[in-house]
PDB file of N, CA and C in Angstrom:
ATOM      1  N   MET A   1       0.844  -1.166   0.000  1.00  0.00           N
ATOM      2  CA  MET A   1       0.000   0.000   0.000  1.00  0.00           C
ATOM      3  C   MET A   1       0.894   1.235   0.000  1.00  0.00           C
ATOM      4  N   PHE A   2       0.516   2.202  -0.800  1.00  0.00           N
ATOM      5  CA  PHE A   2       1.227   3.477  -0.827  1.00  0.00           C
ATOM      6  C   PHE A   2       0.182   4.562  -0.689  1.00  0.00           C
ATOM      7  N   SER A   3       0.242   5.316   0.407  1.00  0.00           N
ATOM      8  CA  SER A   3      -0.738   6.380   0.628  1.00  0.00           C
ATOM      9  C   SER A   3      -0.036   7.647   1.093  1.00  0.00           C
ATOM     10  N   THR A   4      -0.820   8.685   1.316  1.00  0.00           N
ATOM     11  CA  THR A   4      -0.279   9.975   1.721  1.00  0.00           C
ATOM     12  C   THR A   4       0.564   9.870   2.987  1.00  0.00           C
ATOM     13  N   LEU A   5       0.075   9.118   3.957  1.00  0.00           N
ATOM     14  CA  LEU A   5       0.731   9.071   5.261  1.00  0.00           C
ATOM     15  C   LEU A   5       1.771   7.976   5.405  1.00  0.00           C
ATOM     16  N   ARG A   6       1.452   6.777   4.873  1.00  0.00           N
ATOM     17  CA  ARG A   6       2.339   5.637   5.115  1.00  0.00           C
ATOM     18  C   ARG A   6       2.374   4.695   3.922  1.00  0.00           C
ATOM     19  N   THR A   7       3.392   3.847   3.959  1.00  0.00           N
ATOM     20  CA  THR A   7       3.462   2.733   3.018  1.00  0.00           C
ATOM     21  C   THR A   7       3.473   1.447   3.834  1.00  0.00           C
ATOM     22  N   TYR A   8       3.005   0.388   3.205  1.00  0.00           N
ATOM     23  CA  TYR A   8       3.017  -0.925   3.854  1.00  0.00           C
ATOM     24  C   TYR A   8       3.457  -1.932   2.817  1.00  0.00           C
ATOM     25  N   LEU A   9       4.532  -2.633   3.115  1.00  0.00           N
ATOM     26  CA  LEU A   9       5.056  -3.599   2.162  1.00  0.00           C
ATOM     27  C   LEU A   9       5.830  -4.663   2.927  1.00  0.00           C
ATOM     28  N   GLY A  10       5.523  -5.903   2.655  1.00  0.00           N
ATOM     29  CA  GLY A  10       6.229  -7.004   3.288  1.00  0.00           C
ATOM     30  C   GLY A  10       6.082  -7.031   4.795  1.00  0.00           C
ATOM     31  N   GLY A  11       4.909  -6.614   5.280  1.00  0.00           N
ATOM     32  CA  GLY A  11       4.657  -6.621   6.717  1.00  0.00           C
ATOM     33  C   GLY A  11       5.254  -5.445   7.468  1.00  0.00           C
ATOM     34  N   VAL A  12       5.778  -4.469   6.743  1.00  0.00           N
ATOM     35  CA  VAL A  12       6.439  -3.327   7.381  1.00  0.00           C
ATOM     36  C   VAL A  12       5.718  -2.026   7.025  1.00  0.00           C
ATOM     37  N   TRP A  13       5.331  -1.273   8.059  1.00  0.00           N
ATOM     38  CA  TRP A  13       4.762   0.061   7.878  1.00  0.00           C
ATOM     39  C   TRP A  13       5.896   1.076   7.910  1.00  0.00           C
ATOM     40  N   GLU A  14       5.864   2.022   6.981  1.00  0.00           N
ATOM     41  CA  GLU A  14       6.849   3.101   6.980  1.00  0.00           C
ATOM     42  C   GLU A  14       6.134   4.418   6.733  1.00  0.00           C
ATOM     43  N   THR A  15       6.683   5.489   7.276  1.00  0.00           N
ATOM     44  CA  THR A  15       6.143   6.822   7.036  1.00  0.00           C
ATOM     45  C   THR A  15       6.445   7.227   5.601  1.00  0.00           C
ATOM     46  N   ASN A  16       5.464   7.806   4.930  1.00  0.00           N
ATOM     47  CA  ASN A  16       5.673   8.330   3.583  1.00  0.00           C
ATOM     48  C   ASN A  16       6.336   9.700   3.726  1.00  0.00           C
ATOM     49  N   ASN A  17       7.639   9.738   3.622  1.00  0.00           N
ATOM     50  CA  ASN A  17       8.384  10.980   3.817  1.00  0.00           C
ATOM     51  C   ASN A  17       8.220  11.972   2.678  1.00  0.00           C
ATOM     52  N   THR A  18       7.662  11.541   1.553  1.00  0.00           N
ATOM     53  CA  THR A  18       7.464  12.468   0.439  1.00  0.00           C
ATOM     54  C   THR A  18       6.356  13.456   0.749  1.00  0.00           C
ATOM     55  N   LYS A  19       5.446  13.097   1.650  1.00  0.00           N
ATOM     56  CA  LYS A  19       4.282  13.920   2.008  1.00  0.00           C
ATOM     57  C   LYS A  19       3.365  14.149   0.811  1.00  0.00           C
ATOM     58  N   MET A  20       3.536  13.362  -0.231  1.00  0.00           N
ATOM     59  CA  MET A  20       2.681  13.457  -1.412  1.00  0.00           C
ATOM     60  C   MET A  20       1.823  12.202  -1.474  1.00  0.00           C
ATOM     61  N   THR A  21       0.585  12.367  -1.915  1.00  0.00           N
ATOM     62  CA  THR A  21      -0.302  11.218  -2.055  1.00  0.00           C
ATOM     63  C   THR A  21       0.308  10.197  -2.995  1.00  0.00           C
ATOM     64  N   SER A  22       0.768  10.672  -4.130  1.00  0.00           N
ATOM     65  CA  SER A  22       1.422   9.801  -5.105  1.00  0.00           C
ATOM     66  C   SER A  22       2.819  10.349  -5.331  1.00  0.00           C
ATOM     67  N   ALA A  23       3.800   9.573  -4.997  1.00  0.00           N
ATOM     68  CA  ALA A  23       5.190  10.012  -5.107  1.00  0.00           C
ATOM     69  C   ALA A  23       5.598  10.179  -6.565  1.00  0.00           C
ATOM     70  N   ASP A  24       6.797  10.679  -6.748  1.00  0.00           N
ATOM     71  CA  ASP A  24       7.327  10.824  -8.098  1.00  0.00           C
ATOM     72  C   ASP A  24       7.475   9.437  -8.734  1.00  0.00           C
ATOM     73  N   PRO A  25       7.529   9.377 -10.063  1.00  0.00           N
ATOM     74  CA  PRO A  25       7.585   8.082 -10.747  1.00  0.00           C
ATOM     75  C   PRO A  25       8.751   7.198 -10.306  1.00  0.00           C
ATOM     76  N   PHE A  26       9.898   7.773 -10.005  1.00  0.00           N
ATOM     77  CA  PHE A  26      11.058   6.971  -9.613  1.00  0.00           C
ATOM     78  C   PHE A  26      10.820   6.275  -8.277  1.00  0.00           C
ATOM     79  N   THR A  27      10.219   6.994  -7.329  1.00  0.00           N
ATOM     80  CA  THR A  27       9.898   6.401  -6.028  1.00  0.00           C
ATOM     81  C   THR A  27       8.857   5.305  -6.188  1.00  0.00           C
ATOM     82  N   LEU A  28       7.844   5.566  -7.020  1.00  0.00           N
ATOM     83  CA  LEU A  28       6.806   4.554  -7.243  1.00  0.00           C
ATOM     84  C   LEU A  28       7.375   3.302  -7.901  1.00  0.00           C
ATOM     85  N   VAL A  29       8.256   3.486  -8.874  1.00  0.00           N
ATOM     86  CA  VAL A  29       8.850   2.330  -9.555  1.00  0.00           C
ATOM     87  C   VAL A  29       9.672   1.506  -8.566  1.00  0.00           C
ATOM     88  N   ARG A  30      10.443   2.166  -7.706  1.00  0.00           N
ATOM     89  CA  ARG A  30      11.209   1.433  -6.686  1.00  0.00           C
ATOM     90  C   ARG A  30      10.271   0.655  -5.768  1.00  0.00           C
ATOM     91  N   PHE A  31       9.172   1.300  -5.365  1.00  0.00           N
ATOM     92  CA  PHE A  31       8.192   0.646  -4.500  1.00  0.00           C
ATOM     93  C   PHE A  31       7.580  -0.568  -5.203  1.00  0.00           C
ATOM     94  N   LEU A  32       7.202  -0.400  -6.464  1.00  0.00           N
ATOM     95  CA  LEU A  32       6.613  -1.503  -7.232  1.00  0.00           C
ATOM     96  C   LEU A  32       7.617  -2.640  -7.428  1.00  0.00           C
ATOM     97  N   LYS A  33       8.877  -2.304  -7.655  1.00  0.00           N
ATOM     98  CA  LYS A  33       9.919  -3.331  -7.815  1.00  0.00           C
ATOM     99  C   LYS A  33      10.109  -4.107  -6.517  1.00  0.00           C
ATOM    100  N   GLN A  34      10.112  -3.407  -5.392  1.00  0.00           N
ATOM    101  CA  GLN A  34      10.224  -4.086  -4.097  1.00  0.00           C
ATOM    102  C   GLN A  34       9.046  -5.034  -3.897  1.00  0.00           C
ATOM    103  N   ALA A  35       7.855  -4.561  -4.252  1.00  0.00           N
ATOM    104  CA  ALA A  35       6.657  -5.404  -4.117  1.00  0.00           C
ATOM    105  C   ALA A  35       6.785  -6.650  -4.987  1.00  0.00           C
ATOM    106  N   GLN A  36       7.245  -6.469  -6.214  1.00  0.00           N
ATOM    107  CA  GLN A  36       7.429  -7.604  -7.122  1.00  0.00           C
ATOM    108  C   GLN A  36       8.448  -8.588  -6.555  1.00  0.00           C
ATOM    109  N   ASP A  37       9.544  -8.075  -6.055  1.00  0.00           N
ATOM    110  CA  ASP A  37      10.590  -8.935  -5.487  1.00  0.00           C
ATOM    111  C   ASP A  37      10.089  -9.721  -4.281  1.00  0.00           C
ATOM    112  N   LEU A  38       9.125  -9.156  -3.550  1.00  0.00           N
ATOM    113  CA  LEU A  38       8.543  -9.830  -2.388  1.00  0.00           C
ATOM    114  C   LEU A  38       7.412 -10.784  -2.773  1.00  0.00           C
ATOM    115  N   GLY A  39       7.076 -10.810  -4.064  1.00  0.00           N
ATOM    116  CA  GLY A  39       6.010 -11.689  -4.526  1.00  0.00           C
ATOM    117  C   GLY A  39       4.612 -11.176  -4.244  1.00  0.00           C
ATOM    118  N   VAL A  40       4.494  -9.868  -4.042  1.00  0.00           N
ATOM    119  CA  VAL A  40       3.185  -9.265  -3.774  1.00  0.00           C
ATOM    120  C   VAL A  40       2.309  -9.394  -5.012  1.00  0.00           C
ATOM    121  N   LYS A  41       1.076  -9.852  -4.832  1.00  0.00           N
ATOM    122  CA  LYS A  41       0.153 -10.028  -5.956  1.00  0.00           C
ATOM    123  C   LYS A  41      -0.770  -8.833  -6.144  1.00  0.00           C
ATOM    124  N   TYR A  42      -1.093  -8.132  -5.062  1.00  0.00           N
ATOM    125  CA  TYR A  42      -2.046  -7.024  -5.129  1.00  0.00           C
ATOM    126  C   TYR A  42      -1.488  -5.820  -4.390  1.00  0.00           C
ATOM    127  N   LEU A  43      -1.707  -4.646  -4.950  1.00  0.00           N
ATOM    128  CA  LEU A  43      -1.263  -3.400  -4.333  1.00  0.00           C
ATOM    129  C   LEU A  43      -2.404  -2.402  -4.314  1.00  0.00           C
ATOM    130  N   VAL A  44      -2.395  -1.570  -3.316  1.00  0.00           N
ATOM    131  CA  VAL A  44      -3.323  -0.444  -3.245  1.00  0.00           C
ATOM    132  C   VAL A  44      -2.483   0.821  -3.314  1.00  0.00           C
ATOM    133  N   LEU A  45      -2.795   1.671  -4.269  1.00  0.00           N
ATOM    134  CA  LEU A  45      -2.109   2.949  -4.409  1.00  0.00           C
ATOM    135  C   LEU A  45      -3.131   4.065  -4.282  1.00  0.00           C
ATOM    136  N   GLU A  46      -2.886   4.988  -3.381  1.00  0.00           N
ATOM    137  CA  GLU A  46      -3.710   6.191  -3.316  1.00  0.00           C
ATOM    138  C   GLU A  46      -3.202   7.115  -4.417  1.00  0.00           C
ATOM    139  N   VAL A  47      -4.086   7.516  -5.315  1.00  0.00           N
ATOM    140  CA  VAL A  47      -3.687   8.311  -6.475  1.00  0.00           C
ATOM    141  C   VAL A  47      -4.444   9.634  -6.459  1.00  0.00           C
ATOM    142  N   SER A  48      -3.720  10.712  -6.396  1.00  0.00           N
ATOM    143  CA  SER A  48      -4.344  12.036  -6.375  1.00  0.00           C
ATOM    144  C   SER A  48      -4.573  12.549  -7.794  1.00  0.00           C
ATOM    145  N   SER A  49      -5.396  13.571  -7.897  1.00  0.00           N
ATOM    146  CA  SER A  49      -5.602  14.197  -9.204  1.00  0.00           C
ATOM    147  C   SER A  49      -4.301  14.831  -9.689  1.00  0.00           C
ATOM    148  N   HIS A  50      -3.464  15.288  -8.758  1.00  0.00           N
ATOM    149  CA  HIS A  50      -2.155  15.827  -9.140  1.00  0.00           C
ATOM    150  C   HIS A  50      -1.314  14.750  -9.822  1.00  0.00           C
ATOM    151  N   ALA A  51      -1.336  13.550  -9.265  1.00  0.00           N
ATOM    152  CA  ALA A  51      -0.560  12.444  -9.839  1.00  0.00           C
ATOM    153  C   ALA A  51      -1.048  12.101 -11.240  1.00  0.00           C
ATOM    154  N   ILE A  52      -2.355  12.143 -11.433  1.00  0.00           N
ATOM    155  CA  ILE A  52      -2.912  11.866 -12.757  1.00  0.00           C
ATOM    156  C   ILE A  52      -2.511  12.986 -13.717  1.00  0.00           C
ATOM    157  N   TYR A  53      -2.710  14.218 -13.291  1.00  0.00           N
ATOM    158  CA  TYR A  53      -2.422  15.385 -14.129  1.00  0.00           C
ATOM    159  C   TYR A  53      -0.945  15.441 -14.529  1.00  0.00           C
ATOM    160  N   TYR A  54      -0.057  15.213 -13.562  1.00  0.00           N
ATOM    161  CA  TYR A  54       1.383  15.284 -13.829  1.00  0.00           C
ATOM    162  C   TYR A  54       1.973  13.954 -14.296  1.00  0.00           C
ATOM    163  N   GLN A  55       1.124  12.984 -14.555  1.00  0.00           N
ATOM    164  CA  GLN A  55       1.501  11.675 -15.100  1.00  0.00           C
ATOM    165  C   GLN A  55       2.510  10.932 -14.221  1.00  0.00           C
ATOM    166  N   ARG A  56       2.371  11.063 -12.903  1.00  0.00           N
ATOM    167  CA  ARG A  56       3.249  10.335 -11.983  1.00  0.00           C
ATOM    168  C   ARG A  56       2.973   8.835 -12.009  1.00  0.00           C
ATOM    169  N   ILE A  57       1.797   8.446 -12.493  1.00  0.00           N
ATOM    170  CA  ILE A  57       1.425   7.024 -12.508  1.00  0.00           C
ATOM    171  C   ILE A  57       1.471   6.444 -13.920  1.00  0.00           C
ATOM    172  N   TRP A  58       2.081   7.173 -14.836  1.00  0.00           N
ATOM    173  CA  TRP A  58       2.164   6.716 -16.216  1.00  0.00           C
ATOM    174  C   TRP A  58       2.829   5.346 -16.256  1.00  0.00           C
ATOM    175  N   GLY A  59       2.250   4.445 -17.026  1.00  0.00           N
ATOM    176  CA  GLY A  59       2.816   3.117 -17.207  1.00  0.00           C
ATOM    177  C   GLY A  59       2.336   2.081 -16.216  1.00  0.00           C
ATOM    178  N   ILE A  60       1.570   2.500 -15.218  1.00  0.00           N
ATOM    179  CA  ILE A  60       1.025   1.548 -14.249  1.00  0.00           C
ATOM    180  C   ILE A  60      -0.349   1.116 -14.741  1.00  0.00           C
ATOM    181  N   ASP A  61      -0.542  -0.180 -14.910  1.00  0.00           N
ATOM    182  CA  ASP A  61      -1.844  -0.715 -15.321  1.00  0.00           C
ATOM    183  C   ASP A  61      -2.665  -1.026 -14.078  1.00  0.00           C
ATOM    184  N   PHE A  62      -3.782  -0.348 -13.947  1.00  0.00           N
ATOM    185  CA  PHE A  62      -4.673  -0.564 -12.811  1.00  0.00           C
ATOM    186  C   PHE A  62      -5.782  -1.527 -13.208  1.00  0.00           C
ATOM    187  N   ASP A  63      -6.142  -2.411 -12.296  1.00  0.00           N
ATOM    188  CA  ASP A  63      -7.265  -3.322 -12.510  1.00  0.00           C
ATOM    189  C   ASP A  63      -8.561  -2.741 -11.970  1.00  0.00           C
ATOM    190  N   VAL A  64      -8.462  -1.920 -10.941  1.00  0.00           N
ATOM    191  CA  VAL A  64      -9.628  -1.365 -10.254  1.00  0.00           C
ATOM    192  C   VAL A  64      -9.308   0.066  -9.849  1.00  0.00           C
ATOM    193  N   ALA A  65     -10.325   0.909  -9.838  1.00  0.00           N
ATOM    194  CA  ALA A  65     -10.163   2.285  -9.360  1.00  0.00           C
ATOM    195  C   ALA A  65     -11.413   2.688  -8.588  1.00  0.00           C
ATOM    196  N   ALA A  66     -11.237   3.588  -7.657  1.00  0.00           N
ATOM    197  CA  ALA A  66     -12.361   4.115  -6.876  1.00  0.00           C
ATOM    198  C   ALA A  66     -12.094   5.579  -6.572  1.00  0.00           C
ATOM    199  N   VAL A  67     -13.154   6.352  -6.494  1.00  0.00           N
ATOM    200  CA  VAL A  67     -13.046   7.750  -6.089  1.00  0.00           C
ATOM    201  C   VAL A  67     -13.506   7.841  -4.643  1.00  0.00           C
ATOM    202  N   THR A  68     -12.678   8.430  -3.808  1.00  0.00           N
ATOM    203  CA  THR A  68     -13.047   8.586  -2.400  1.00  0.00           C
ATOM    204  C   THR A  68     -13.352  10.029  -2.043  1.00  0.00           C
ATOM    205  N   ASN A  69     -12.991  10.960  -2.924  1.00  0.00           N
ATOM    206  CA  ASN A  69     -13.182  12.355  -2.579  1.00  0.00           C
ATOM    207  C   ASN A  69     -13.202  13.222  -3.832  1.00  0.00           C
ATOM    208  N   ILE A  70     -14.198  14.068  -3.912  1.00  0.00           N
ATOM    209  CA  ILE A  70     -14.229  15.131  -4.917  1.00  0.00           C
ATOM    210  C   ILE A  70     -14.646  16.384  -4.165  1.00  0.00           C
ATOM    211  N   SER A  71     -13.718  17.328  -4.082  1.00  0.00           N
ATOM    212  CA  SER A  71     -14.004  18.572  -3.367  1.00  0.00           C
ATOM    213  C   SER A  71     -13.269  19.714  -4.057  1.00  0.00           C
ATOM    214  N   GLN A  72     -13.416  20.887  -3.533  1.00  0.00           N
ATOM    215  CA  GLN A  72     -12.789  22.056  -4.147  1.00  0.00           C
ATOM    216  C   GLN A  72     -11.358  22.271  -3.676  1.00  0.00           C
ATOM    217  N   ASP A  73     -10.788  21.285  -3.018  1.00  0.00           N
ATOM    218  CA  ASP A  73      -9.440  21.422  -2.464  1.00  0.00           C
ATOM    219  C   ASP A  73      -8.362  21.622  -3.523  1.00  0.00           C
ATOM    220  N   HIS A  74      -8.550  21.114  -4.703  1.00  0.00           N
ATOM    221  CA  HIS A  74      -7.483  21.132  -5.706  1.00  0.00           C
ATOM    222  C   HIS A  74      -7.756  22.085  -6.872  1.00  0.00           C
ATOM    223  N   LEU A  75      -8.600  23.065  -6.642  1.00  0.00           N
ATOM    224  CA  LEU A  75      -8.899  24.006  -7.717  1.00  0.00           C
ATOM    225  C   LEU A  75      -7.721  24.930  -8.006  1.00  0.00           C
ATOM    226  N   ASP A  76      -6.751  24.991  -7.100  1.00  0.00           N
ATOM    227  CA  ASP A  76      -5.539  25.759  -7.385  1.00  0.00           C
ATOM    228  C   ASP A  76      -4.821  25.195  -8.609  1.00  0.00           C
ATOM    229  N   LEU A  77      -4.877  23.899  -8.778  1.00  0.00           N
ATOM    230  CA  LEU A  77      -4.271  23.245  -9.942  1.00  0.00           C
ATOM    231  C   LEU A  77      -5.244  23.192 -11.110  1.00  0.00           C
ATOM    232  N   HIS A  78      -6.464  22.778 -10.850  1.00  0.00           N
ATOM    233  CA  HIS A  78      -7.410  22.478 -11.928  1.00  0.00           C
ATOM    234  C   HIS A  78      -8.222  23.673 -12.409  1.00  0.00           C
ATOM    235  N   GLY A  79      -8.374  24.676 -11.575  1.00  0.00           N
ATOM    236  CA  GLY A  79      -9.113  25.861 -11.994  1.00  0.00           C
ATOM    237  C   GLY A  79     -10.613  25.728 -11.859  1.00  0.00           C
ATOM    238  N   THR A  80     -11.166  24.627 -12.381  1.00  0.00           N
ATOM    239  CA  THR A  80     -12.615  24.411 -12.318  1.00  0.00           C
ATOM    240  C   THR A  80     -12.898  22.995 -11.840  1.00  0.00           C
ATOM    241  N   MET A  81     -14.094  22.814 -11.317  1.00  0.00           N
ATOM    242  CA  MET A  81     -14.508  21.474 -10.903  1.00  0.00           C
ATOM    243  C   MET A  81     -14.577  20.545 -12.113  1.00  0.00           C
ATOM    244  N   GLU A  82     -14.994  21.084 -13.251  1.00  0.00           N
ATOM    245  CA  GLU A  82     -15.078  20.257 -14.460  1.00  0.00           C
ATOM    246  C   GLU A  82     -13.703  19.681 -14.815  1.00  0.00           C
ATOM    247  N   HIS A  83     -12.679  20.518 -14.789  1.00  0.00           N
ATOM    248  CA  HIS A  83     -11.327  20.040 -15.104  1.00  0.00           C
ATOM    249  C   HIS A  83     -10.859  19.021 -14.071  1.00  0.00           C
ATOM    250  N   TYR A  84     -11.157  19.287 -12.815  1.00  0.00           N
ATOM    251  CA  TYR A  84     -10.789  18.378 -11.719  1.00  0.00           C
ATOM    252  C   TYR A  84     -11.421  17.001 -11.923  1.00  0.00           C
ATOM    253  N   ILE A  85     -12.709  16.980 -12.219  1.00  0.00           N
ATOM    254  CA  ILE A  85     -13.423  15.712 -12.426  1.00  0.00           C
ATOM    255  C   ILE A  85     -12.916  15.004 -13.678  1.00  0.00           C
ATOM    256  N   ARG A  86     -12.698  15.759 -14.744  1.00  0.00           N
ATOM    257  CA  ARG A  86     -12.172  15.148 -15.979  1.00  0.00           C
ATOM    258  C   ARG A  86     -10.799  14.510 -15.743  1.00  0.00           C
ATOM    259  N   THR A  87      -9.996  15.161 -14.927  1.00  0.00           N
ATOM    260  CA  THR A  87      -8.682  14.600 -14.604  1.00  0.00           C
ATOM    261  C   THR A  87      -8.835  13.286 -13.866  1.00  0.00           C
ATOM    262  N   LYS A  88      -9.711  13.249 -12.871  1.00  0.00           N
ATOM    263  CA  LYS A  88      -9.934  12.000 -12.128  1.00  0.00           C
ATOM    264  C   LYS A  88     -10.481  10.905 -13.044  1.00  0.00           C
ATOM    265  N   LEU A  89     -11.323  11.273 -13.995  1.00  0.00           N
ATOM    266  CA  LEU A  89     -11.899  10.288 -14.913  1.00  0.00           C
ATOM    267  C   LEU A  89     -10.836   9.627 -15.789  1.00  0.00           C
ATOM    268  N   ARG A  90      -9.715  10.304 -15.994  1.00  0.00           N
ATOM    269  CA  ARG A  90      -8.639   9.709 -16.809  1.00  0.00           C
ATOM    270  C   ARG A  90      -8.159   8.388 -16.221  1.00  0.00           C
ATOM    271  N   LEU A  91      -8.177   8.265 -14.896  1.00  0.00           N
ATOM    272  CA  LEU A  91      -7.784   7.002 -14.269  1.00  0.00           C
ATOM    273  C   LEU A  91      -8.747   5.893 -14.673  1.00  0.00           C
ATOM    274  N   PHE A  92     -10.028   6.198 -14.700  1.00  0.00           N
ATOM    275  CA  PHE A  92     -11.029   5.194 -15.075  1.00  0.00           C
ATOM    276  C   PHE A  92     -10.946   4.857 -16.557  1.00  0.00           C
ATOM    277  N   LYS A  93     -10.669   5.845 -17.378  1.00  0.00           N
ATOM    278  CA  LYS A  93     -10.508   5.577 -18.809  1.00  0.00           C
ATOM    279  C   LYS A  93      -9.314   4.667 -19.054  1.00  0.00           C
ATOM    280  N   SER A  94      -8.293   4.781 -18.220  1.00  0.00           N
ATOM    281  CA  SER A  94      -7.118   3.919 -18.389  1.00  0.00           C
ATOM    282  C   SER A  94      -7.458   2.462 -18.106  1.00  0.00           C
ATOM    283  N   LEU A  95      -8.474   2.209 -17.302  1.00  0.00           N
ATOM    284  CA  LEU A  95      -8.890   0.826 -17.038  1.00  0.00           C
ATOM    285  C   LEU A  95      -9.389   0.158 -18.310  1.00  0.00           C
ATOM    286  N   VAL A  96     -10.071   0.921 -19.129  1.00  0.00           N
ATOM    287  CA  VAL A  96     -10.628   0.394 -20.372  1.00  0.00           C
ATOM    288  C   VAL A  96      -9.516  -0.020 -21.324  1.00  0.00           C
ATOM    289  N   TYR A  97      -8.420   0.736 -21.317  1.00  0.00           N
ATOM    290  CA  TYR A  97      -7.343   0.496 -22.277  1.00  0.00           C
ATOM    291  C   TYR A  97      -6.197  -0.340 -21.710  1.00  0.00           C
ATOM    292  N   ALA A  98      -6.274  -0.699 -20.445  1.00  0.00           N
ATOM    293  CA  ALA A  98      -5.194  -1.476 -19.819  1.00  0.00           C
ATOM    294  C   ALA A  98      -5.086  -2.850 -20.471  1.00  0.00           C
ATOM    295  N   ARG A  99      -3.861  -3.351 -20.494  1.00  0.00           N
ATOM    296  CA  ARG A  99      -3.657  -4.702 -21.024  1.00  0.00           C
ATOM    297  C   ARG A  99      -4.405  -5.698 -20.157  1.00  0.00           C
ATOM    298  N   ARG A 100      -4.936  -6.703 -20.769  1.00  0.00           N
ATOM    299  CA  ARG A 100      -5.645  -7.755 -20.036  1.00  0.00           C
ATOM    300  C   ARG A 100      -4.629  -8.653 -19.361  1.00  0.00           C
ATOM    301  N   LYS A 101      -4.866  -8.952 -18.141  1.00  0.00           N
ATOM    302  CA  LYS A 101      -3.974  -9.815 -17.373  1.00  0.00           C
ATOM    303  C   LYS A 101      -4.461 -11.255 -17.481  1.00  0.00           C
ATOM    304  N   THR A 102      -3.540 -12.199 -17.490  1.00  0.00           N
ATOM    305  CA  THR A 102      -3.933 -13.606 -17.559  1.00  0.00           C
ATOM    306  C   THR A 102      -3.772 -14.275 -16.219  1.00  0.00           C
TER     307      THR A 102
END
């Protein structure tokens, strides 16, 4: 699990020192590689609209997505609620185009 506050991998909780909901791509790739090396089959990633907008999650194929919050907190980046919602919808659109897993 990778979230704003903490990460959990291999039975170990760690503080997310980046203080970002979704870390930079290099940090995420290292985290995903560690998970793979540990044989982790499922991961939960908290993904912010900032991460979607700035493509921090580019290249990650998601099987499932959920929205937990839509508020005016991120209008500094998005400008309008419409842009904010459209940005979040990009994660769901990526589910349609993701490679099928066997």
